[in-house]
N, C-alpha and C. Protein backbone atom coordinates (compact mmCIF):
# COMPACT_ATOMS: atom_id res chain seq x y z
N MET A 1 -25.75 37.57 -41.52
CA MET A 1 -25.63 37.08 -40.36
C MET A 1 -27.00 37.19 -39.40
N GLU A 2 -26.95 35.48 -38.35
CA GLU A 2 -28.18 35.90 -38.17
C GLU A 2 -27.75 36.83 -36.56
N THR A 3 -29.23 37.52 -36.32
CA THR A 3 -29.37 38.13 -35.20
C THR A 3 -29.63 38.11 -33.96
N THR A 4 -29.43 38.32 -32.28
CA THR A 4 -29.34 38.54 -31.34
C THR A 4 -30.90 37.72 -31.17
N GLN A 5 -30.65 36.51 -30.60
CA GLN A 5 -32.77 36.09 -30.49
C GLN A 5 -32.34 34.80 -30.24
N ARG A 6 -33.08 34.22 -29.20
CA ARG A 6 -33.62 33.70 -28.57
C ARG A 6 -33.47 32.32 -29.45
N LYS A 7 -32.66 31.01 -28.64
CA LYS A 7 -32.41 30.22 -30.02
C LYS A 7 -32.49 28.71 -28.85
N ILE A 8 -32.79 27.49 -29.23
CA ILE A 8 -32.83 26.12 -28.30
C ILE A 8 -31.99 25.20 -28.94
N GLY A 9 -31.32 24.77 -28.15
CA GLY A 9 -30.32 23.78 -28.46
C GLY A 9 -30.75 22.34 -28.99
N PHE A 10 -29.71 21.26 -28.75
CA PHE A 10 -30.71 19.75 -29.01
C PHE A 10 -30.65 19.47 -28.22
N ALA A 11 -31.39 17.75 -28.15
CA ALA A 11 -31.36 16.80 -27.13
C ALA A 11 -30.31 15.98 -26.93
N PRO A 12 -30.27 15.53 -25.63
CA PRO A 12 -29.10 15.10 -25.55
C PRO A 12 -29.05 13.44 -26.16
N VAL A 13 -27.79 13.33 -26.31
CA VAL A 13 -27.68 11.71 -27.35
C VAL A 13 -27.02 11.33 -26.09
N PHE A 14 -27.79 9.81 -25.48
CA PHE A 14 -27.26 9.07 -24.58
C PHE A 14 -28.24 8.26 -23.86
N ASP A 15 -27.63 7.14 -23.74
CA ASP A 15 -28.47 5.75 -23.40
C ASP A 15 -27.70 5.05 -21.77
N LYS A 16 -28.27 4.00 -21.30
CA LYS A 16 -28.01 3.36 -19.88
C LYS A 16 -26.43 3.15 -19.95
N ASN A 17 -25.67 3.14 -21.25
CA ASN A 17 -24.45 2.50 -21.51
C ASN A 17 -23.70 3.46 -21.49
N SER A 18 -23.61 4.88 -21.39
CA SER A 18 -22.89 5.95 -21.54
C SER A 18 -22.19 6.03 -20.47
N LYS A 19 -20.69 5.93 -20.65
CA LYS A 19 -19.47 6.24 -20.10
C LYS A 19 -18.93 7.58 -19.83
N VAL A 20 -19.30 8.43 -20.95
CA VAL A 20 -18.05 9.21 -20.97
C VAL A 20 -19.57 10.61 -21.12
N LEU A 21 -19.73 11.57 -20.53
CA LEU A 21 -20.46 12.67 -20.84
C LEU A 21 -19.76 13.86 -21.74
N ILE A 22 -19.62 14.13 -22.89
CA ILE A 22 -19.17 15.65 -23.63
C ILE A 22 -19.92 16.15 -23.53
N LEU A 23 -20.17 17.34 -22.97
CA LEU A 23 -20.56 18.51 -22.72
C LEU A 23 -19.89 20.02 -23.47
N GLY A 24 -20.38 20.15 -24.83
CA GLY A 24 -19.92 21.73 -25.41
C GLY A 24 -20.70 22.57 -24.38
N SER A 25 -20.78 24.15 -25.24
CA SER A 25 -21.46 24.99 -25.31
C SER A 25 -22.98 25.17 -25.61
N PHE A 26 -22.96 26.01 -26.54
CA PHE A 26 -24.29 25.68 -27.47
C PHE A 26 -23.99 25.45 -28.92
N PRO A 27 -24.76 25.24 -29.52
CA PRO A 27 -24.84 24.85 -31.20
C PRO A 27 -24.40 25.78 -32.07
N SER A 28 -23.48 26.13 -32.71
CA SER A 28 -22.76 26.96 -33.67
C SER A 28 -24.14 27.07 -34.25
N VAL A 29 -23.73 27.65 -35.85
CA VAL A 29 -24.85 27.98 -36.24
C VAL A 29 -24.79 27.00 -37.10
N LYS A 30 -23.72 26.52 -37.99
CA LYS A 30 -23.55 25.17 -39.24
C LYS A 30 -23.85 24.17 -38.33
N SER A 31 -24.05 24.55 -37.20
CA SER A 31 -24.82 22.84 -36.38
C SER A 31 -26.57 23.18 -36.62
N ARG A 32 -26.88 24.37 -36.13
CA ARG A 32 -28.25 24.68 -35.64
C ARG A 32 -28.84 24.47 -37.71
N GLN A 33 -28.09 24.91 -38.48
CA GLN A 33 -28.79 24.26 -39.91
C GLN A 33 -28.48 22.99 -40.18
N ILE A 34 -28.09 22.01 -39.79
CA ILE A 34 -28.03 20.93 -40.18
C ILE A 34 -28.74 20.31 -38.81
N ASP A 35 -29.17 20.92 -37.36
CA ASP A 35 -30.23 20.29 -36.31
C ASP A 35 -28.71 19.01 -35.73
N PHE A 36 -27.53 19.51 -35.86
CA PHE A 36 -26.94 18.57 -35.26
C PHE A 36 -25.48 18.33 -34.24
N TYR A 37 -24.90 18.09 -33.67
CA TYR A 37 -24.47 18.39 -33.13
C TYR A 37 -22.74 18.34 -34.00
N TYR A 38 -21.73 19.69 -33.14
CA TYR A 38 -20.49 19.96 -34.59
C TYR A 38 -21.10 19.50 -35.75
N GLY A 39 -21.69 20.29 -36.28
CA GLY A 39 -22.00 20.77 -38.23
C GLY A 39 -21.10 21.29 -38.80
N ASN A 40 -20.53 22.47 -38.08
CA ASN A 40 -18.90 23.14 -38.76
C ASN A 40 -17.69 21.65 -39.14
N LYS A 41 -17.79 21.37 -40.71
CA LYS A 41 -16.80 20.35 -41.19
C LYS A 41 -15.64 21.60 -40.04
N GLN A 42 -15.60 22.41 -39.95
CA GLN A 42 -13.98 22.79 -39.61
C GLN A 42 -13.72 22.64 -37.76
N ASN A 43 -14.88 22.69 -37.12
CA ASN A 43 -14.62 22.04 -36.39
C ASN A 43 -14.03 20.43 -35.85
N ARG A 44 -13.27 20.52 -34.87
CA ARG A 44 -12.57 19.32 -34.49
C ARG A 44 -12.81 18.19 -34.06
N PHE A 45 -14.04 17.92 -33.22
CA PHE A 45 -14.65 17.26 -32.43
C PHE A 45 -14.80 15.85 -33.06
N TRP A 46 -15.68 15.42 -34.45
CA TRP A 46 -15.49 14.36 -35.09
C TRP A 46 -14.49 13.77 -34.96
N ARG A 47 -13.46 14.45 -36.00
CA ARG A 47 -12.43 13.81 -36.06
C ARG A 47 -11.43 13.48 -35.40
N THR A 48 -11.40 13.78 -34.16
CA THR A 48 -10.57 14.05 -32.41
C THR A 48 -10.95 12.78 -31.94
N VAL A 49 -12.67 12.22 -31.80
CA VAL A 49 -13.27 11.65 -31.19
C VAL A 49 -13.32 10.00 -32.33
N CYS A 50 -13.40 10.26 -33.29
CA CYS A 50 -13.87 9.65 -34.26
C CYS A 50 -12.54 8.74 -34.45
N GLY A 51 -11.31 9.40 -34.61
CA GLY A 51 -9.95 9.41 -34.71
C GLY A 51 -9.35 8.05 -33.57
N TYR A 52 -9.45 8.97 -32.25
CA TYR A 52 -8.98 8.10 -31.27
C TYR A 52 -9.60 7.16 -31.24
N PHE A 53 -10.93 6.24 -31.67
CA PHE A 53 -10.89 4.87 -31.93
C PHE A 53 -10.73 4.24 -33.31
N ASN A 54 -10.10 5.29 -34.18
CA ASN A 54 -9.51 4.78 -35.85
C ASN A 54 -10.81 4.82 -36.57
N GLU A 55 -11.55 5.22 -36.49
CA GLU A 55 -12.68 4.77 -37.29
C GLU A 55 -13.25 6.32 -38.22
N GLU A 56 -13.72 6.33 -39.19
CA GLU A 56 -14.55 7.46 -40.11
C GLU A 56 -14.97 8.19 -39.61
N ILE A 57 -15.31 9.45 -39.89
CA ILE A 57 -16.36 10.23 -39.48
C ILE A 57 -17.61 9.51 -40.17
N PRO A 58 -18.59 9.00 -39.39
CA PRO A 58 -19.99 8.91 -40.32
C PRO A 58 -20.36 9.96 -41.02
N GLU A 59 -21.24 10.06 -41.83
CA GLU A 59 -21.60 10.86 -42.80
C GLU A 59 -22.35 11.31 -42.56
N THR A 60 -23.48 10.62 -41.85
CA THR A 60 -24.70 10.88 -41.28
C THR A 60 -25.04 11.16 -40.01
N ILE A 61 -26.36 11.98 -39.59
CA ILE A 61 -26.04 12.20 -38.19
C ILE A 61 -26.90 10.90 -37.57
N GLU A 62 -27.41 10.05 -38.51
CA GLU A 62 -27.77 8.33 -37.81
C GLU A 62 -26.49 7.81 -37.53
N GLY A 63 -25.71 7.98 -38.32
CA GLY A 63 -24.11 7.28 -38.54
C GLY A 63 -23.51 7.66 -37.38
N LYS A 64 -23.42 9.20 -36.71
CA LYS A 64 -23.22 9.62 -35.67
C LYS A 64 -23.61 9.21 -34.30
N LYS A 65 -25.11 9.28 -34.22
CA LYS A 65 -26.12 8.99 -32.69
C LYS A 65 -25.11 7.54 -33.27
N GLU A 66 -25.15 6.52 -33.71
CA GLU A 66 -25.28 5.40 -34.44
C GLU A 66 -23.57 5.04 -33.28
N PHE A 67 -22.46 5.69 -34.15
CA PHE A 67 -21.21 5.86 -33.22
C PHE A 67 -21.11 6.39 -31.73
N LEU A 68 -21.65 7.32 -31.42
CA LEU A 68 -21.77 7.57 -29.86
C LEU A 68 -22.36 6.65 -29.25
N PHE A 69 -23.63 6.01 -29.88
CA PHE A 69 -23.96 4.36 -28.71
C PHE A 69 -23.11 3.48 -28.51
N ARG A 70 -22.66 3.18 -29.81
CA ARG A 70 -21.69 2.22 -29.81
C ARG A 70 -20.16 2.27 -28.85
N ARG A 71 -20.12 3.57 -28.90
CA ARG A 71 -18.28 3.89 -28.50
C ARG A 71 -19.39 4.28 -26.58
N ASN A 72 -20.21 4.25 -26.55
CA ASN A 72 -20.70 5.06 -24.94
C ASN A 72 -20.20 6.02 -24.45
N ILE A 73 -20.31 6.76 -25.44
CA ILE A 73 -20.45 8.40 -25.67
C ILE A 73 -21.58 9.53 -25.43
N ALA A 74 -21.37 9.90 -24.25
CA ALA A 74 -23.42 10.59 -24.25
C ALA A 74 -22.59 12.06 -24.41
N LEU A 75 -23.85 12.92 -25.37
CA LEU A 75 -23.34 14.33 -25.89
C LEU A 75 -24.51 15.00 -25.82
N TRP A 76 -24.36 16.48 -25.04
CA TRP A 76 -24.80 17.65 -25.10
C TRP A 76 -24.40 18.72 -24.31
N ASP A 77 -24.88 19.65 -25.11
CA ASP A 77 -24.40 20.99 -24.59
C ASP A 77 -24.86 21.95 -22.95
N MET A 78 -24.04 22.21 -22.44
CA MET A 78 -24.67 23.02 -20.87
C MET A 78 -25.66 24.00 -21.15
N VAL A 79 -25.65 24.74 -22.26
CA VAL A 79 -26.69 25.65 -22.30
C VAL A 79 -28.09 24.95 -23.58
N MET A 80 -29.24 25.00 -22.66
CA MET A 80 -30.65 24.64 -23.85
C MET A 80 -30.94 25.46 -24.48
N ALA A 81 -31.22 26.78 -23.82
CA ALA A 81 -31.37 27.84 -24.45
C ALA A 81 -30.77 29.18 -24.52
N CYS A 82 -31.05 29.97 -25.41
CA CYS A 82 -30.27 31.20 -24.78
C CYS A 82 -30.22 32.35 -25.80
N GLU A 83 -29.65 34.02 -25.89
CA GLU A 83 -30.07 34.71 -26.63
C GLU A 83 -28.02 35.03 -26.91
N ILE A 84 -28.19 34.45 -28.50
CA ILE A 84 -26.60 34.06 -29.05
C ILE A 84 -26.93 34.81 -30.31
N GLU A 85 -25.84 35.94 -30.42
CA GLU A 85 -25.72 36.06 -31.96
C GLU A 85 -24.58 35.27 -32.80
N GLY A 86 -24.96 34.84 -33.74
CA GLY A 86 -24.08 33.86 -34.96
C GLY A 86 -23.64 32.93 -33.78
N SER A 87 -22.15 32.69 -33.91
CA SER A 87 -21.80 31.01 -32.88
C SER A 87 -21.05 31.35 -31.71
N ALA A 88 -20.99 32.67 -31.84
CA ALA A 88 -20.18 33.31 -30.22
C ALA A 88 -20.13 33.15 -29.08
N ASP A 89 -19.62 32.39 -28.30
CA ASP A 89 -19.47 31.88 -27.07
C ASP A 89 -19.79 33.22 -26.31
N SER A 90 -18.96 33.58 -27.18
CA SER A 90 -18.99 35.69 -25.36
C SER A 90 -20.65 35.90 -25.57
N SER A 91 -21.35 36.09 -26.97
CA SER A 91 -22.37 36.49 -27.17
C SER A 91 -23.93 35.91 -26.37
N ILE A 92 -23.32 34.81 -25.67
CA ILE A 92 -24.00 33.93 -24.60
C ILE A 92 -24.90 34.85 -23.83
N LYS A 93 -26.22 35.22 -24.03
CA LYS A 93 -27.04 35.34 -22.18
C LYS A 93 -28.24 34.80 -22.39
N ASN A 94 -28.39 34.98 -20.57
CA ASN A 94 -29.88 35.05 -20.84
C ASN A 94 -30.18 33.47 -20.63
N VAL A 95 -29.18 32.28 -19.96
CA VAL A 95 -29.25 30.83 -20.25
C VAL A 95 -30.22 30.55 -19.88
N GLU A 96 -29.96 28.77 -19.99
CA GLU A 96 -31.44 28.33 -19.67
C GLU A 96 -30.50 26.51 -19.47
N ILE A 97 -29.92 26.36 -18.44
CA ILE A 97 -28.88 25.11 -17.87
C ILE A 97 -29.88 23.59 -18.47
N ALA A 98 -28.88 23.15 -19.15
CA ALA A 98 -29.16 21.68 -19.01
C ALA A 98 -29.52 20.72 -18.29
N ASP A 99 -30.60 19.74 -17.53
CA ASP A 99 -30.89 19.53 -16.65
C ASP A 99 -29.95 17.95 -16.64
N LEU A 100 -28.52 18.13 -16.37
CA LEU A 100 -27.99 17.02 -16.20
C LEU A 100 -28.55 15.99 -15.69
N ASN A 101 -29.22 16.00 -14.56
CA ASN A 101 -29.41 14.58 -13.62
C ASN A 101 -30.11 13.62 -14.80
N GLN A 102 -30.52 14.20 -15.57
CA GLN A 102 -31.78 12.99 -16.68
C GLN A 102 -30.48 11.94 -17.19
N VAL A 103 -29.48 12.97 -17.31
CA VAL A 103 -28.27 11.82 -17.42
C VAL A 103 -27.47 11.01 -17.02
N PHE A 104 -27.66 11.62 -15.68
CA PHE A 104 -26.27 11.21 -14.39
C PHE A 104 -28.13 10.28 -13.55
N ALA A 105 -28.90 10.47 -13.57
CA ALA A 105 -30.31 9.07 -12.98
C ALA A 105 -30.06 7.96 -13.99
N MET A 106 -29.70 8.11 -15.44
CA MET A 106 -29.78 6.96 -16.06
C MET A 106 -28.51 5.98 -16.60
N ALA A 107 -27.87 7.13 -16.54
CA ALA A 107 -26.15 6.21 -17.41
C ALA A 107 -24.83 6.65 -16.04
N LYS A 108 -24.54 5.58 -16.66
CA LYS A 108 -23.08 5.32 -15.18
C LYS A 108 -22.08 6.07 -15.79
N ILE A 109 -21.65 7.31 -15.58
CA ILE A 109 -21.17 8.44 -16.67
C ILE A 109 -19.91 8.12 -15.11
N GLU A 110 -19.21 8.11 -16.13
CA GLU A 110 -17.71 7.42 -15.29
C GLU A 110 -17.01 8.97 -15.23
N LYS A 111 -16.77 9.78 -16.52
CA LYS A 111 -16.23 11.04 -16.62
C LYS A 111 -16.72 12.12 -17.96
N ILE A 112 -16.87 13.42 -17.20
CA ILE A 112 -17.39 14.27 -18.09
C ILE A 112 -16.28 15.06 -18.59
N LEU A 113 -15.90 15.48 -19.95
CA LEU A 113 -15.45 16.53 -20.46
C LEU A 113 -15.98 16.81 -21.03
N LEU A 114 -15.47 18.11 -20.06
CA LEU A 114 -16.21 19.93 -21.28
C LEU A 114 -14.77 20.77 -22.06
N ASN A 115 -15.77 20.76 -23.03
CA ASN A 115 -15.26 21.29 -24.08
C ASN A 115 -15.19 23.08 -24.33
N GLY A 116 -14.48 23.67 -23.60
CA GLY A 116 -14.22 24.65 -24.22
C GLY A 116 -14.69 25.35 -22.77
N THR A 117 -14.23 26.63 -22.24
CA THR A 117 -14.11 27.22 -21.50
C THR A 117 -15.79 27.61 -20.94
N LEU A 118 -16.42 27.89 -21.28
CA LEU A 118 -17.40 28.29 -21.21
C LEU A 118 -18.86 27.18 -20.55
N ALA A 119 -18.58 25.96 -21.60
CA ALA A 119 -19.06 24.56 -20.84
C ALA A 119 -18.68 24.62 -19.13
N TYR A 120 -17.24 24.71 -19.07
CA TYR A 120 -16.39 23.61 -17.75
C TYR A 120 -16.98 24.97 -16.90
N ASN A 121 -17.36 26.32 -17.18
CA ASN A 121 -17.68 27.18 -16.32
C ASN A 121 -18.71 27.00 -15.70
N LEU A 122 -19.92 26.80 -16.53
CA LEU A 122 -21.39 26.97 -16.11
C LEU A 122 -21.69 25.08 -15.21
N PHE A 123 -20.68 24.53 -16.14
CA PHE A 123 -21.07 23.13 -15.37
C PHE A 123 -20.35 22.96 -13.63
N SER A 124 -19.06 23.97 -14.17
CA SER A 124 -18.57 24.56 -12.43
C SER A 124 -19.13 25.18 -11.35
N GLU A 125 -20.02 26.14 -12.39
CA GLU A 125 -21.39 26.73 -11.26
C GLU A 125 -22.21 25.69 -11.29
N HIS A 126 -22.67 25.13 -12.08
CA HIS A 126 -24.06 24.51 -11.10
C HIS A 126 -24.09 22.71 -11.38
N PHE A 127 -22.95 22.36 -11.45
CA PHE A 127 -22.86 20.80 -11.17
C PHE A 127 -21.51 20.67 -10.76
N ALA A 128 -21.07 21.12 -10.22
CA ALA A 128 -19.32 20.79 -9.39
C ALA A 128 -19.76 19.64 -8.32
N THR A 129 -20.66 19.33 -7.12
CA THR A 129 -20.80 18.75 -6.27
C THR A 129 -21.64 17.27 -6.67
N CYS A 130 -21.69 16.85 -8.49
CA CYS A 130 -22.42 15.84 -9.11
C CYS A 130 -21.73 14.72 -8.52
N GLY A 131 -19.81 14.46 -8.03
CA GLY A 131 -19.47 12.94 -7.62
C GLY A 131 -18.88 12.57 -8.64
N ILE A 132 -19.10 13.20 -10.12
CA ILE A 132 -18.08 12.64 -11.44
C ILE A 132 -17.15 13.09 -11.56
N LEU A 133 -15.86 12.42 -12.30
CA LEU A 133 -14.65 13.00 -12.36
C LEU A 133 -15.23 14.31 -13.59
N TYR A 134 -14.72 15.35 -13.71
CA TYR A 134 -14.48 16.30 -14.70
C TYR A 134 -13.52 17.03 -15.02
N GLU A 135 -13.56 17.42 -16.50
CA GLU A 135 -12.15 18.01 -16.75
C GLU A 135 -12.30 18.72 -18.04
N LYS A 136 -11.96 20.15 -17.80
CA LYS A 136 -12.06 20.85 -18.91
C LYS A 136 -10.98 20.52 -19.98
N MET A 137 -11.44 20.60 -21.27
CA MET A 137 -10.94 20.05 -22.15
C MET A 137 -10.85 21.97 -23.16
N PRO A 138 -10.16 21.38 -24.09
CA PRO A 138 -9.27 22.57 -25.24
C PRO A 138 -10.53 22.51 -25.94
N SER A 139 -11.19 23.61 -26.25
CA SER A 139 -11.88 23.68 -27.49
C SER A 139 -11.88 22.48 -28.39
N THR A 140 -12.43 22.17 -29.31
CA THR A 140 -12.30 21.75 -30.82
C THR A 140 -12.90 22.64 -31.89
N SER A 141 -13.31 24.20 -31.62
CA SER A 141 -13.71 24.48 -32.28
C SER A 141 -12.64 25.22 -32.94
N PRO A 142 -12.73 25.94 -34.54
CA PRO A 142 -11.92 25.66 -35.33
C PRO A 142 -11.01 27.38 -35.08
N ALA A 143 -11.96 27.90 -33.75
CA ALA A 143 -11.34 29.58 -33.74
C ALA A 143 -10.20 29.52 -32.37
N ASN A 144 -10.64 28.28 -31.66
CA ASN A 144 -9.44 28.22 -31.23
C ASN A 144 -7.90 28.04 -31.46
N PRO A 145 -6.95 28.66 -31.35
CA PRO A 145 -5.70 28.51 -31.53
C PRO A 145 -5.18 27.37 -30.91
N ARG A 146 -5.51 26.89 -29.42
CA ARG A 146 -4.64 26.42 -28.95
C ARG A 146 -5.06 24.73 -28.51
N PHE A 147 -6.02 24.85 -29.85
CA PHE A 147 -6.57 22.57 -29.28
C PHE A 147 -5.77 21.81 -29.39
N SER A 148 -5.69 20.81 -28.23
CA SER A 148 -4.28 19.86 -28.61
C SER A 148 -5.64 18.39 -28.61
N GLU A 149 -5.18 17.58 -29.94
CA GLU A 149 -5.78 16.58 -29.88
C GLU A 149 -5.02 15.61 -28.53
N THR A 150 -3.98 16.00 -28.56
CA THR A 150 -3.00 14.52 -27.52
C THR A 150 -3.68 14.70 -25.81
N ILE A 151 -4.54 16.46 -25.37
CA ILE A 151 -5.15 16.45 -24.07
C ILE A 151 -6.46 15.37 -24.62
N TRP A 152 -7.32 15.65 -25.29
CA TRP A 152 -8.23 14.87 -25.44
C TRP A 152 -8.21 13.36 -25.63
N ARG A 153 -7.19 12.72 -26.34
CA ARG A 153 -6.34 11.08 -26.59
C ARG A 153 -6.68 11.15 -24.68
N ASN A 154 -5.74 11.57 -24.38
CA ASN A 154 -5.31 11.29 -22.86
C ASN A 154 -6.73 10.97 -21.75
N ALA A 155 -7.41 12.48 -21.95
CA ALA A 155 -8.72 12.34 -21.24
C ALA A 155 -9.53 11.21 -22.00
N LEU A 156 -9.46 10.99 -22.72
CA LEU A 156 -10.01 9.62 -23.26
C LEU A 156 -10.19 8.07 -22.97
N ASP A 157 -8.48 8.00 -22.51
CA ASP A 157 -7.48 7.15 -22.53
C ASP A 157 -8.12 6.71 -20.79
N ASP A 158 -8.32 7.91 -20.47
CA ASP A 158 -8.68 7.40 -18.61
C ASP A 158 -10.18 6.08 -18.45
N VAL A 159 -10.76 6.54 -19.46
CA VAL A 159 -11.81 5.53 -19.72
C VAL A 159 -11.68 4.19 -20.94
N TYR A 160 -11.29 5.01 -21.70
CA TYR A 160 -11.18 3.78 -22.58
C TYR A 160 -9.81 3.04 -22.60
N GLY A 161 -8.86 3.78 -22.37
CA GLY A 161 -7.37 3.03 -22.07
C GLY A 161 -6.93 2.49 -23.93
N ILE A 162 -7.47 2.89 -24.71
CA ILE A 162 -6.65 2.14 -25.80
C ILE A 162 -6.02 3.52 -26.73
N SER A 163 -5.49 4.62 -26.76
CA SER A 163 -4.61 5.40 -27.26
C SER A 163 -2.91 4.79 -27.04
């Protein structure tokens, strides 16, 4: 088991065509092991987002990036660096918040989806006045028994309208 020590998150995935920004809290142990977002196969993120577009989950990191760019989805975490024990959001402390302004300056983000309570709380504390509609989503983590794919589909419908 990992000990509590300072960890660094991932760079954002976005371009000038990104319309939806999905923000998590911080990468899990499994994500950090593969060096990309939502690396735990039990996490519902890729299944939910790819399923919305009726697409298979890409096998590779490059395939996942290509999917995100093609679907105009930006992906990042609210926490760039922190001390964390394992994967538990509840253990996160001494956080360095992501500078979302670099995404806002380049992309025309229409909606921000916050994957879980910690992402939502941090966003609300630091970026609530950004002028972009944002919504708290049920965490896609396998530890969340209250996950709802319907809520995710409805939020994506607000931008894409294909559900």
